Amino acid sequence: MNVIETSELVRYFGASRAVAGLDLQVPRGSIFGLLGENGCGKTTTLNLIMGALIPNQGRVRVMGEDPLTMAPATRARIGYLADQMELPSWMTLQEAVRIHGAYFAQWDPKAVWQLLDTSEVAPHQRFGHLSKGQKRWFLISLIVAQSPDLLILDEPSGGLDVTVRRKFLDLLLELAGQREITVVIASHILSDVERVVDHVAFVKEGRVVQQSLLEDLKTRVKRLCLPVGTQRQDIEKRFQIISYQEQSDIVLATVSDFEEERTQGLGCRVEHLNLEELFLIYNTSSDVKQVAS
């Protein structure tokens, strides 16, 4: 079952189209990476999913409901961290915990202070006096204390140093191990994303150009390093090519339907690709067509 589904989703800002017929399926219990270059429509998509924006066309369903008319009890099951989320600078952390907790039936105030235990902050401190990284970690702590069933995170690692980023990623894996929770994470730090996600969707110019289990994608998409003089049509007889380069000393062909036995006779070396390399292929190659699998 999918926790989030969008169909032919379109959103304009004036004459500019930020989301252009976007189809997305987020399975229940997944840690899902929504990935794309700045300006590709990721944040707009998340705002449409949260009901903060109204689509010009298309359909959105979150936990089976339209986010624009979602029941309060359903919305309370969603934790959302926006890219530029802030609290009033004058508010103390203790006040924020008390006010935030009043909205959630499953609120766990102990979780906040446990997560903040090593952050060198105190309940009486004002939000505006915290560093950027401390603010971000405090907001993450508030959202985790909601005990959400769906966690939506837009650039959650912004302002966090390497140590705290690692702690955050460990926290996501711990939450996923404790109970069924669905996490959607949009981040430009792909090394972080690769450590935790099991599904990915690449977004380009407001459309999903590839959606898949990450391990399936890594199994199917490979780079073939071929001898100079290898003809593209000879490769196309065996594989679907999504990126092709002829260099002075080698031919590089990235294929989307790799099978080892089909390389026999090509004299090629096979390179396995990490998430960053896959991201670059699906965001820069003119051979990529819109697909979802």
C-alpha atoms as a PDB file:
ATOM      1  CA  MET A   1       0.000   0.000   0.000  1.00  0.00           C
ATOM      2  CA  ASN A   2       1.214   3.503  -0.812  1.00  0.00           C
ATOM      3  CA  VAL A   3       1.159   6.180   1.887  1.00  0.00           C
ATOM      4  CA  ILE A   4       1.579   8.965  -0.700  1.00  0.00           C
ATOM      5  CA  GLU A   5       0.320   8.965  -4.270  1.00  0.00           C
ATOM      6  CA  THR A   6       0.343  11.784  -6.800  1.00  0.00           C
ATOM      7  CA  SER A   7      -1.030  11.603 -10.320  1.00  0.00           C
ATOM      8  CA  GLU A   8      -0.357  14.080 -13.151  1.00  0.00           C
ATOM      9  CA  LEU A   9       0.416  16.736 -10.551  1.00  0.00           C
ATOM     10  CA  VAL A  10       0.911  20.254 -11.955  1.00  0.00           C
ATOM     11  CA  ARG A  11       1.704  23.524 -10.189  1.00  0.00           C
ATOM     12  CA  TYR A  12       2.410  26.907 -11.754  1.00  0.00           C
ATOM     13  CA  PHE A  13       3.815  30.068 -10.206  1.00  0.00           C
ATOM     14  CA  GLY A  14       2.678  32.691 -12.669  1.00  0.00           C
ATOM     15  CA  ALA A  15       3.836  31.511 -16.086  1.00  0.00           C
ATOM     16  CA  SER A  16       6.523  29.255 -14.589  1.00  0.00           C
ATOM     17  CA  ARG A  17       5.687  25.567 -14.192  1.00  0.00           C
ATOM     18  CA  ALA A  18       7.375  24.178 -11.055  1.00  0.00           C
ATOM     19  CA  VAL A  19       5.726  20.730 -11.143  1.00  0.00           C
ATOM     20  CA  ALA A  20       4.873  19.259 -14.544  1.00  0.00           C
ATOM     21  CA  GLY A  21       2.712  16.141 -14.470  1.00  0.00           C
ATOM     22  CA  LEU A  22       4.486  14.490 -11.553  1.00  0.00           C
ATOM     23  CA  ASP A  23       3.562  10.886 -10.672  1.00  0.00           C
ATOM     24  CA  LEU A  24       4.854   9.555  -7.362  1.00  0.00           C
ATOM     25  CA  GLN A  25       4.190   6.487  -5.216  1.00  0.00           C
ATOM     26  CA  VAL A  26       5.672   6.220  -1.717  1.00  0.00           C
ATOM     27  CA  PRO A  27       5.205   2.714  -0.242  1.00  0.00           C
ATOM     28  CA  ARG A  28       4.205   2.298   3.383  1.00  0.00           C
ATOM     29  CA  GLY A  29       7.203   1.594   5.616  1.00  0.00           C
ATOM     30  CA  SER A  30       9.787   2.885   3.136  1.00  0.00           C
ATOM     31  CA  ILE A  31      12.553   5.427   3.653  1.00  0.00           C
ATOM     32  CA  PHE A  32      12.103   7.308   0.422  1.00  0.00           C
ATOM     33  CA  GLY A  33      14.583   9.722  -1.170  1.00  0.00           C
ATOM     34  CA  LEU A  34      13.104  12.496  -3.326  1.00  0.00           C
ATOM     35  CA  LEU A  35      16.129  13.684  -5.271  1.00  0.00           C
ATOM     36  CA  GLY A  36      16.813  16.365  -7.847  1.00  0.00           C
ATOM     37  CA  GLU A  37      18.771  19.527  -8.518  1.00  0.00           C
ATOM     38  CA  ASN A  38      17.799  22.845  -6.932  1.00  0.00           C
ATOM     39  CA  GLY A  39      14.741  24.237  -8.686  1.00  0.00           C
ATOM     40  CA  CYS A  40      13.533  20.863  -9.981  1.00  0.00           C
ATOM     41  CA  GLY A  41      10.276  21.015  -7.969  1.00  0.00           C
ATOM     42  CA  LYS A  42      11.063  18.934  -4.858  1.00  0.00           C
ATOM     43  CA  THR A  43       9.985  21.525  -2.269  1.00  0.00           C
ATOM     44  CA  THR A  44       6.904  22.477  -4.288  1.00  0.00           C
ATOM     45  CA  THR A  45       5.970  18.790  -4.440  1.00  0.00           C
ATOM     46  CA  LEU A  46       6.309  18.435  -0.668  1.00  0.00           C
ATOM     47  CA  ASN A  47       4.186  21.553  -0.134  1.00  0.00           C
ATOM     48  CA  LEU A  48       1.497  20.063  -2.385  1.00  0.00           C
ATOM     49  CA  ILE A  49       1.671  16.803  -0.434  1.00  0.00           C
ATOM     50  CA  MET A  50       1.249  18.722   2.828  1.00  0.00           C
ATOM     51  CA  GLY A  51      -1.653  20.794   1.499  1.00  0.00           C
ATOM     52  CA  ALA A  52       0.299  24.042   1.813  1.00  0.00           C
ATOM     53  CA  LEU A  53      -0.216  24.616  -1.938  1.00  0.00           C
ATOM     54  CA  ILE A  54      -3.193  23.899  -4.186  1.00  0.00           C
ATOM     55  CA  PRO A  55      -2.377  22.014  -7.409  1.00  0.00           C
ATOM     56  CA  ASN A  56      -3.376  23.554 -10.728  1.00  0.00           C
ATOM     57  CA  GLN A  57      -4.016  20.046 -12.038  1.00  0.00           C
ATOM     58  CA  GLY A  58      -3.718  16.484 -10.828  1.00  0.00           C
ATOM     59  CA  ARG A  59      -4.411  14.506  -7.710  1.00  0.00           C
ATOM     60  CA  VAL A  60      -2.690  14.017  -4.350  1.00  0.00           C
ATOM     61  CA  ARG A  61      -3.545  11.426  -1.721  1.00  0.00           C
ATOM     62  CA  VAL A  62      -1.770  11.115   1.630  1.00  0.00           C
ATOM     63  CA  MET A  63      -2.828   8.200   3.818  1.00  0.00           C
ATOM     64  CA  GLY A  64      -5.809   7.862   1.501  1.00  0.00           C
ATOM     65  CA  GLU A  65      -6.980  11.460   1.972  1.00  0.00           C
ATOM     66  CA  ASP A  66      -6.797  14.706   0.042  1.00  0.00           C
ATOM     67  CA  PRO A  67      -4.345  16.915   2.005  1.00  0.00           C
ATOM     68  CA  LEU A  68      -6.577  19.955   1.407  1.00  0.00           C
ATOM     69  CA  THR A  69      -9.475  18.339   3.310  1.00  0.00           C
ATOM     70  CA  MET A  70      -7.520  15.984   5.553  1.00  0.00           C
ATOM     71  CA  ALA A  71      -9.013  15.107   8.941  1.00  0.00           C
ATOM     72  CA  PRO A  72      -7.129  16.639  11.914  1.00  0.00           C
ATOM     73  CA  ALA A  73      -6.541  13.167  13.368  1.00  0.00           C
ATOM     74  CA  THR A  74      -4.798  12.100  10.151  1.00  0.00           C
ATOM     75  CA  ARG A  75      -2.725  15.286   9.950  1.00  0.00           C
ATOM     76  CA  ALA A  76      -1.543  14.702  13.526  1.00  0.00           C
ATOM     77  CA  ARG A  77       0.088  11.467  12.294  1.00  0.00           C
ATOM     78  CA  ILE A  78       2.394  13.453   9.976  1.00  0.00           C
ATOM     79  CA  GLY A  79       5.655  15.060  11.057  1.00  0.00           C
ATOM     80  CA  TYR A  80       6.913  17.757   8.685  1.00  0.00           C
ATOM     81  CA  LEU A  81      10.245  19.577   8.690  1.00  0.00           C
ATOM     82  CA  ALA A  82      10.366  22.335   6.087  1.00  0.00           C
ATOM     83  CA  ASP A  83      13.621  23.621   4.624  1.00  0.00           C
ATOM     84  CA  GLN A  84      13.303  27.085   6.195  1.00  0.00           C
ATOM     85  CA  MET A  85      11.237  26.155   9.273  1.00  0.00           C
ATOM     86  CA  GLU A  86      11.700  28.464  12.271  1.00  0.00           C
ATOM     87  CA  LEU A  87      10.117  29.240  15.652  1.00  0.00           C
ATOM     88  CA  PRO A  88       9.684  32.720  17.187  1.00  0.00           C
ATOM     89  CA  SER A  89      13.101  33.899  18.379  1.00  0.00           C
ATOM     90  CA  TRP A  90      11.718  34.919  21.800  1.00  0.00           C
ATOM     91  CA  MET A  91      10.224  31.476  22.563  1.00  0.00           C
ATOM     92  CA  THR A  92      12.080  29.278  25.042  1.00  0.00           C
ATOM     93  CA  LEU A  93      12.625  25.621  24.244  1.00  0.00           C
ATOM     94  CA  GLN A  94      10.468  24.639  27.205  1.00  0.00           C
ATOM     95  CA  GLU A  95       7.593  26.785  25.907  1.00  0.00           C
ATOM     96  CA  ALA A  96       7.973  25.305  22.424  1.00  0.00           C
ATOM     97  CA  VAL A  97       7.798  21.756  23.799  1.00  0.00           C
ATOM     98  CA  ARG A  98       4.666  22.571  25.825  1.00  0.00           C
ATOM     99  CA  ILE A  99       2.850  24.328  22.952  1.00  0.00           C
ATOM    100  CA  HIS A 100       3.841  21.772  20.314  1.00  0.00           C
ATOM    101  CA  GLY A 101       2.803  18.862  22.518  1.00  0.00           C
ATOM    102  CA  ALA A 102      -0.725  20.212  22.958  1.00  0.00           C
ATOM    103  CA  TYR A 103      -1.535  19.278  19.343  1.00  0.00           C
ATOM    104  CA  PHE A 104      -0.514  15.606  19.355  1.00  0.00           C
ATOM    105  CA  ALA A 105      -2.203  12.711  21.143  1.00  0.00           C
ATOM    106  CA  GLN A 106       0.936  10.534  20.984  1.00  0.00           C
ATOM    107  CA  TRP A 107       3.251  13.304  22.194  1.00  0.00           C
ATOM    108  CA  ASP A 108       6.360  12.118  24.061  1.00  0.00           C
ATOM    109  CA  PRO A 109       8.085  15.095  25.772  1.00  0.00           C
ATOM    110  CA  LYS A 110      10.834  12.862  27.185  1.00  0.00           C
ATOM    111  CA  ALA A 111      11.943  12.100  23.623  1.00  0.00           C
ATOM    112  CA  VAL A 112      12.739  15.781  23.034  1.00  0.00           C
ATOM    113  CA  TRP A 113      15.050  16.137  26.013  1.00  0.00           C
ATOM    114  CA  GLN A 114      16.669  12.755  25.408  1.00  0.00           C
ATOM    115  CA  LEU A 115      17.591  13.818  21.864  1.00  0.00           C
ATOM    116  CA  LEU A 116      18.830  17.198  23.118  1.00  0.00           C
ATOM    117  CA  ASP A 117      20.866  15.660  25.933  1.00  0.00           C
ATOM    118  CA  THR A 118      24.205  16.073  24.117  1.00  0.00           C
ATOM    119  CA  SER A 119      23.350  19.299  22.262  1.00  0.00           C
ATOM    120  CA  GLU A 120      24.486  21.788  24.923  1.00  0.00           C
ATOM    121  CA  VAL A 121      21.085  23.467  25.107  1.00  0.00           C
ATOM    122  CA  ALA A 122      18.849  24.056  28.125  1.00  0.00           C
ATOM    123  CA  PRO A 123      15.048  24.342  28.499  1.00  0.00           C
ATOM    124  CA  HIS A 124      15.226  28.029  29.475  1.00  0.00           C
ATOM    125  CA  GLN A 125      17.176  29.053  26.359  1.00  0.00           C
ATOM    126  CA  ARG A 126      15.427  31.113  23.704  1.00  0.00           C
ATOM    127  CA  PHE A 127      15.167  29.643  20.214  1.00  0.00           C
ATOM    128  CA  GLY A 128      16.720  32.742  18.672  1.00  0.00           C
ATOM    129  CA  HIS A 129      19.893  32.294  20.745  1.00  0.00           C
ATOM    130  CA  LEU A 130      20.661  28.848  19.334  1.00  0.00           C
ATOM    131  CA  SER A 131      23.139  28.191  16.524  1.00  0.00           C
ATOM    132  CA  LYS A 132      21.779  27.133  13.127  1.00  0.00           C
ATOM    133  CA  GLY A 133      22.655  23.503  13.805  1.00  0.00           C
ATOM    134  CA  GLN A 134      21.097  23.580  17.301  1.00  0.00           C
ATOM    135  CA  LYS A 135      17.889  25.058  15.878  1.00  0.00           C
ATOM    136  CA  ARG A 136      17.677  22.327  13.277  1.00  0.00           C
ATOM    137  CA  TRP A 137      18.291  19.545  15.785  1.00  0.00           C
ATOM    138  CA  PHE A 138      15.684  21.005  18.170  1.00  0.00           C
ATOM    139  CA  LEU A 139      13.076  21.065  15.377  1.00  0.00           C
ATOM    140  CA  ILE A 140      13.951  17.466  14.466  1.00  0.00           C
ATOM    141  CA  SER A 141      13.508  16.528  18.142  1.00  0.00           C
ATOM    142  CA  LEU A 142      10.059  18.155  18.265  1.00  0.00           C
ATOM    143  CA  ILE A 143       8.898  16.261  15.192  1.00  0.00           C
ATOM    144  CA  VAL A 144      10.216  12.910  16.423  1.00  0.00           C
ATOM    145  CA  ALA A 145       8.392  13.456  19.747  1.00  0.00           C
ATOM    146  CA  GLN A 146       5.107  13.527  17.809  1.00  0.00           C
ATOM    147  CA  SER A 147       5.563   9.772  17.181  1.00  0.00           C
ATOM    148  CA  PRO A 148       4.468  10.283  13.556  1.00  0.00           C
ATOM    149  CA  ASP A 149       3.522   7.513  11.150  1.00  0.00           C
ATOM    150  CA  LEU A 150       4.707   9.639   8.210  1.00  0.00           C
ATOM    151  CA  LEU A 151       7.815  11.821   8.456  1.00  0.00           C
ATOM    152  CA  ILE A 152       8.458  14.351   5.669  1.00  0.00           C
ATOM    153  CA  LEU A 153      11.863  16.038   5.751  1.00  0.00           C
ATOM    154  CA  ASP A 154      12.975  18.813   3.387  1.00  0.00           C
ATOM    155  CA  GLU A 155      16.772  19.283   3.568  1.00  0.00           C
ATOM    156  CA  PRO A 156      16.850  18.088   7.194  1.00  0.00           C
ATOM    157  CA  SER A 157      20.656  18.173   7.478  1.00  0.00           C
ATOM    158  CA  GLY A 158      20.981  21.903   6.776  1.00  0.00           C
ATOM    159  CA  GLY A 159      23.250  23.464   9.387  1.00  0.00           C
ATOM    160  CA  LEU A 160      24.207  20.151  10.983  1.00  0.00           C
ATOM    161  CA  ASP A 161      27.884  19.284  11.233  1.00  0.00           C
ATOM    162  CA  VAL A 162      29.163  15.870  10.163  1.00  0.00           C
ATOM    163  CA  THR A 163      28.857  14.300  13.637  1.00  0.00           C
ATOM    164  CA  VAL A 164      25.274  15.468  14.159  1.00  0.00           C
ATOM    165  CA  ARG A 165      24.314  14.471  10.612  1.00  0.00           C
ATOM    166  CA  ARG A 166      25.517  10.956  11.367  1.00  0.00           C
ATOM    167  CA  LYS A 167      23.507  10.971  14.611  1.00  0.00           C
ATOM    168  CA  PHE A 168      20.431  12.096  12.672  1.00  0.00           C
ATOM    169  CA  LEU A 169      20.791   9.295  10.117  1.00  0.00           C
ATOM    170  CA  ASP A 170      21.225   6.749  12.904  1.00  0.00           C
ATOM    171  CA  LEU A 171      18.045   8.154  14.473  1.00  0.00           C
ATOM    172  CA  LEU A 172      16.068   7.566  11.259  1.00  0.00           C
ATOM    173  CA  LEU A 173      17.263   3.970  11.066  1.00  0.00           C
ATOM    174  CA  GLU A 174      16.463   3.463  14.745  1.00  0.00           C
ATOM    175  CA  LEU A 175      12.916   4.796  14.294  1.00  0.00           C
ATOM    176  CA  ALA A 176      12.388   2.554  11.272  1.00  0.00           C
ATOM    177  CA  GLY A 177      13.625  -0.425  13.278  1.00  0.00           C
ATOM    178  CA  GLN A 178      11.323   0.248  16.231  1.00  0.00           C
ATOM    179  CA  ARG A 179       8.007   0.440  14.371  1.00  0.00           C
ATOM    180  CA  GLU A 180       6.506   0.908  10.920  1.00  0.00           C
ATOM    181  CA  ILE A 181       7.152   4.486   9.878  1.00  0.00           C
ATOM    182  CA  THR A 182       7.309   5.990   6.395  1.00  0.00           C
ATOM    183  CA  VAL A 183       9.988   8.627   5.794  1.00  0.00           C
ATOM    184  CA  VAL A 184      10.271  10.965   2.803  1.00  0.00           C
ATOM    185  CA  ILE A 185      13.569  12.826   2.685  1.00  0.00           C
ATOM    186  CA  ALA A 186      14.618  15.487   0.175  1.00  0.00           C
ATOM    187  CA  SER A 187      18.315  16.283   0.485  1.00  0.00           C
ATOM    188  CA  HIS A 188      21.228  17.372  -1.686  1.00  0.00           C
ATOM    189  CA  ILE A 189      23.711  15.467   0.525  1.00  0.00           C
ATOM    190  CA  LEU A 190      23.511  12.219  -1.427  1.00  0.00           C
ATOM    191  CA  SER A 191      26.093  10.384   0.665  1.00  0.00           C
ATOM    192  CA  ASP A 192      23.748  10.827   3.635  1.00  0.00           C
ATOM    193  CA  VAL A 193      20.669   9.757   1.694  1.00  0.00           C
ATOM    194  CA  GLU A 194      22.352   6.624   0.374  1.00  0.00           C
ATOM    195  CA  ARG A 195      23.020   5.409   3.928  1.00  0.00           C
ATOM    196  CA  VAL A 196      19.330   5.284   4.868  1.00  0.00           C
ATOM    197  CA  VAL A 197      16.940   5.184   1.889  1.00  0.00           C
ATOM    198  CA  ASP A 198      15.538   2.046   0.314  1.00  0.00           C
ATOM    199  CA  HIS A 199      13.492   3.788  -2.423  1.00  0.00           C
ATOM    200  CA  VAL A 200      14.440   6.752  -4.621  1.00  0.00           C
ATOM    201  CA  ALA A 201      12.728   9.018  -7.125  1.00  0.00           C
ATOM    202  CA  PHE A 202      14.753  11.318  -9.373  1.00  0.00           C
ATOM    203  CA  VAL A 203      12.961  14.541 -10.264  1.00  0.00           C
ATOM    204  CA  LYS A 204      13.951  16.581 -13.306  1.00  0.00           C
ATOM    205  CA  GLU A 205      12.144  19.737 -14.477  1.00  0.00           C
ATOM    206  CA  GLY A 206       9.103  18.942 -12.351  1.00  0.00           C
ATOM    207  CA  ARG A 207       8.731  15.298 -13.440  1.00  0.00           C
ATOM    208  CA  VAL A 208       9.778  11.954 -12.001  1.00  0.00           C
ATOM    209  CA  VAL A 209      12.275  10.491 -14.492  1.00  0.00           C
ATOM    210  CA  GLN A 210      12.995   7.352 -12.460  1.00  0.00           C
ATOM    211  CA  GLN A 211      11.481   5.737  -9.382  1.00  0.00           C
ATOM    212  CA  SER A 212      12.688   2.449  -7.959  1.00  0.00           C
ATOM    213  CA  LEU A 213      13.965   0.438  -5.061  1.00  0.00           C
ATOM    214  CA  LEU A 214      17.536   1.687  -4.719  1.00  0.00           C
ATOM    215  CA  GLU A 215      19.061  -1.805  -4.742  1.00  0.00           C
ATOM    216  CA  ASP A 216      17.055  -2.743  -7.850  1.00  0.00           C
ATOM    217  CA  LEU A 217      18.321   0.386  -9.578  1.00  0.00           C
ATOM    218  CA  LYS A 218      21.911  -0.398  -8.663  1.00  0.00           C
ATOM    219  CA  THR A 219      21.450  -3.930  -9.998  1.00  0.00           C
ATOM    220  CA  ARG A 220      19.948  -2.826 -13.325  1.00  0.00           C
ATOM    221  CA  VAL A 221      21.932   0.342 -14.118  1.00  0.00           C
ATOM    222  CA  LYS A 222      25.604  -0.211 -14.925  1.00  0.00           C
ATOM    223  CA  ARG A 223      28.317   1.593 -16.847  1.00  0.00           C
ATOM    224  CA  LEU A 224      29.988  -0.463 -19.582  1.00  0.00           C
ATOM    225  CA  CYS A 225      33.588   0.481 -20.422  1.00  0.00           C
ATOM    226  CA  LEU A 226      34.126  -0.640 -23.998  1.00  0.00           C
ATOM    227  CA  PRO A 227      37.010  -0.667 -26.497  1.00  0.00           C
ATOM    228  CA  VAL A 228      37.420   2.292 -28.842  1.00  0.00           C
ATOM    229  CA  GLY A 229      35.563   1.648 -32.076  1.00  0.00           C
ATOM    230  CA  THR A 230      32.607  -0.135 -30.454  1.00  0.00           C
ATOM    231  CA  GLN A 231      29.504   0.994 -32.330  1.00  0.00           C
ATOM    232  CA  ARG A 232      26.486   2.285 -30.444  1.00  0.00           C
ATOM    233  CA  GLN A 233      24.129   0.138 -32.504  1.00  0.00           C
ATOM    234  CA  ASP A 234      26.011  -2.988 -31.408  1.00  0.00           C
ATOM    235  CA  ILE A 235      25.309  -2.107 -27.770  1.00  0.00           C
ATOM    236  CA  GLU A 236      21.686  -1.182 -28.512  1.00  0.00           C
ATOM    237  CA  LYS A 237      21.094  -4.695 -29.843  1.00  0.00           C
ATOM    238  CA  ARG A 238      21.679  -5.964 -26.283  1.00  0.00           C
ATOM    239  CA  PHE A 239      20.823  -3.115 -23.869  1.00  0.00           C
ATOM    240  CA  GLN A 240      18.774   0.021 -23.379  1.00  0.00           C
ATOM    241  CA  ILE A 241      21.258   2.903 -23.303  1.00  0.00           C
ATOM    242  CA  ILE A 242      20.606   5.924 -21.066  1.00  0.00           C
ATOM    243  CA  SER A 243      24.018   7.587 -21.416  1.00  0.00           C
ATOM    244  CA  TYR A 244      26.679   7.222 -24.105  1.00  0.00           C
ATOM    245  CA  GLN A 245      30.129   8.822 -24.456  1.00  0.00           C
ATOM    246  CA  GLU A 246      32.927   8.277 -26.952  1.00  0.00           C
ATOM    247  CA  GLN A 247      36.314   9.273 -25.544  1.00  0.00           C
ATOM    248  CA  SER A 248      39.769   9.099 -27.093  1.00  0.00           C
ATOM    249  CA  ASP A 249      40.678   5.829 -25.391  1.00  0.00           C
ATOM    250  CA  ILE A 250      37.350   4.301 -24.350  1.00  0.00           C
ATOM    251  CA  VAL A 251      33.617   4.139 -25.011  1.00  0.00           C
ATOM    252  CA  LEU A 252      31.322   4.530 -21.984  1.00  0.00           C
ATOM    253  CA  ALA A 253      27.735   3.327 -22.172  1.00  0.00           C
ATOM    254  CA  THR A 254      25.386   3.389 -19.182  1.00  0.00           C
ATOM    255  CA  VAL A 255      22.550   0.890 -19.556  1.00  0.00           C
ATOM    256  CA  SER A 256      19.314   0.493 -17.614  1.00  0.00           C
ATOM    257  CA  ASP A 257      18.668  -3.245 -18.115  1.00  0.00           C
ATOM    258  CA  PHE A 258      22.004  -4.861 -17.319  1.00  0.00           C
ATOM    259  CA  GLU A 259      22.423  -8.630 -17.367  1.00  0.00           C
ATOM    260  CA  GLU A 260      25.891 -10.135 -17.129  1.00  0.00           C
ATOM    261  CA  GLU A 261      25.357 -12.785 -19.789  1.00  0.00           C
ATOM    262  CA  ARG A 262      24.532 -10.149 -22.419  1.00  0.00           C
ATOM    263  CA  THR A 263      28.054  -8.690 -22.193  1.00  0.00           C
ATOM    264  CA  GLN A 264      29.670 -11.770 -23.705  1.00  0.00           C
ATOM    265  CA  GLY A 265      31.742 -10.873 -26.748  1.00  0.00           C
ATOM    266  CA  LEU A 266      31.744  -7.117 -26.058  1.00  0.00           C
ATOM    267  CA  GLY A 267      35.109  -7.131 -24.286  1.00  0.00           C
ATOM    268  CA  CYS A 268      33.856  -4.636 -21.724  1.00  0.00           C
ATOM    269  CA  ARG A 269      34.518  -3.838 -18.094  1.00  0.00           C
ATOM    270  CA  VAL A 270      31.449  -3.281 -15.887  1.00  0.00           C
ATOM    271  CA  GLU A 271      31.350  -0.425 -13.364  1.00  0.00           C
ATOM    272  CA  HIS A 272      28.894  -0.381 -10.463  1.00  0.00           C
ATOM    273  CA  LEU A 273      27.347   3.007  -9.698  1.00  0.00           C
ATOM    274  CA  ASN A 274      26.634   4.702  -6.378  1.00  0.00           C
ATOM    275  CA  LEU A 275      23.674   7.002  -5.718  1.00  0.00           C
ATOM    276  CA  GLU A 276      25.556  10.170  -6.665  1.00  0.00           C
ATOM    277  CA  GLU A 277      26.570   8.698 -10.030  1.00  0.00           C
ATOM    278  CA  LEU A 278      23.005   7.518 -10.680  1.00  0.00           C
ATOM    279  CA  PHE A 279      21.714  10.972  -9.762  1.00  0.00           C
ATOM    280  CA  LEU A 280      24.073  12.637 -12.245  1.00  0.00           C
ATOM    281  CA  ILE A 281      23.061  10.230 -15.013  1.00  0.00           C
ATOM    282  CA  TYR A 282      19.333  10.797 -14.559  1.00  0.00           C
ATOM    283  CA  ASN A 283      19.702  14.560 -14.203  1.00  0.00           C
ATOM    284  CA  THR A 284      22.144  15.298 -17.015  1.00  0.00           C
ATOM    285  CA  SER A 285      21.676  12.682 -19.724  1.00  0.00           C
ATOM    286  CA  SER A 286      19.658  13.676 -22.786  1.00  0.00           C
ATOM    287  CA  ASP A 287      18.956   9.961 -23.362  1.00  0.00           C
ATOM    288  CA  VAL A 288      16.846   9.688 -20.208  1.00  0.00           C
ATOM    289  CA  LYS A 289      13.120   9.393 -20.808  1.00  0.00           C
ATOM    290  CA  GLN A 290      10.439   9.722 -18.143  1.00  0.00           C
ATOM    291  CA  VAL A 291       9.944   6.319 -16.537  1.00  0.00           C
ATOM    292  CA  ALA A 292       8.859   4.831 -13.221  1.00  0.00           C
ATOM    293  CA  SER A 293       9.372   1.309 -12.038  1.00  0.00           C
END
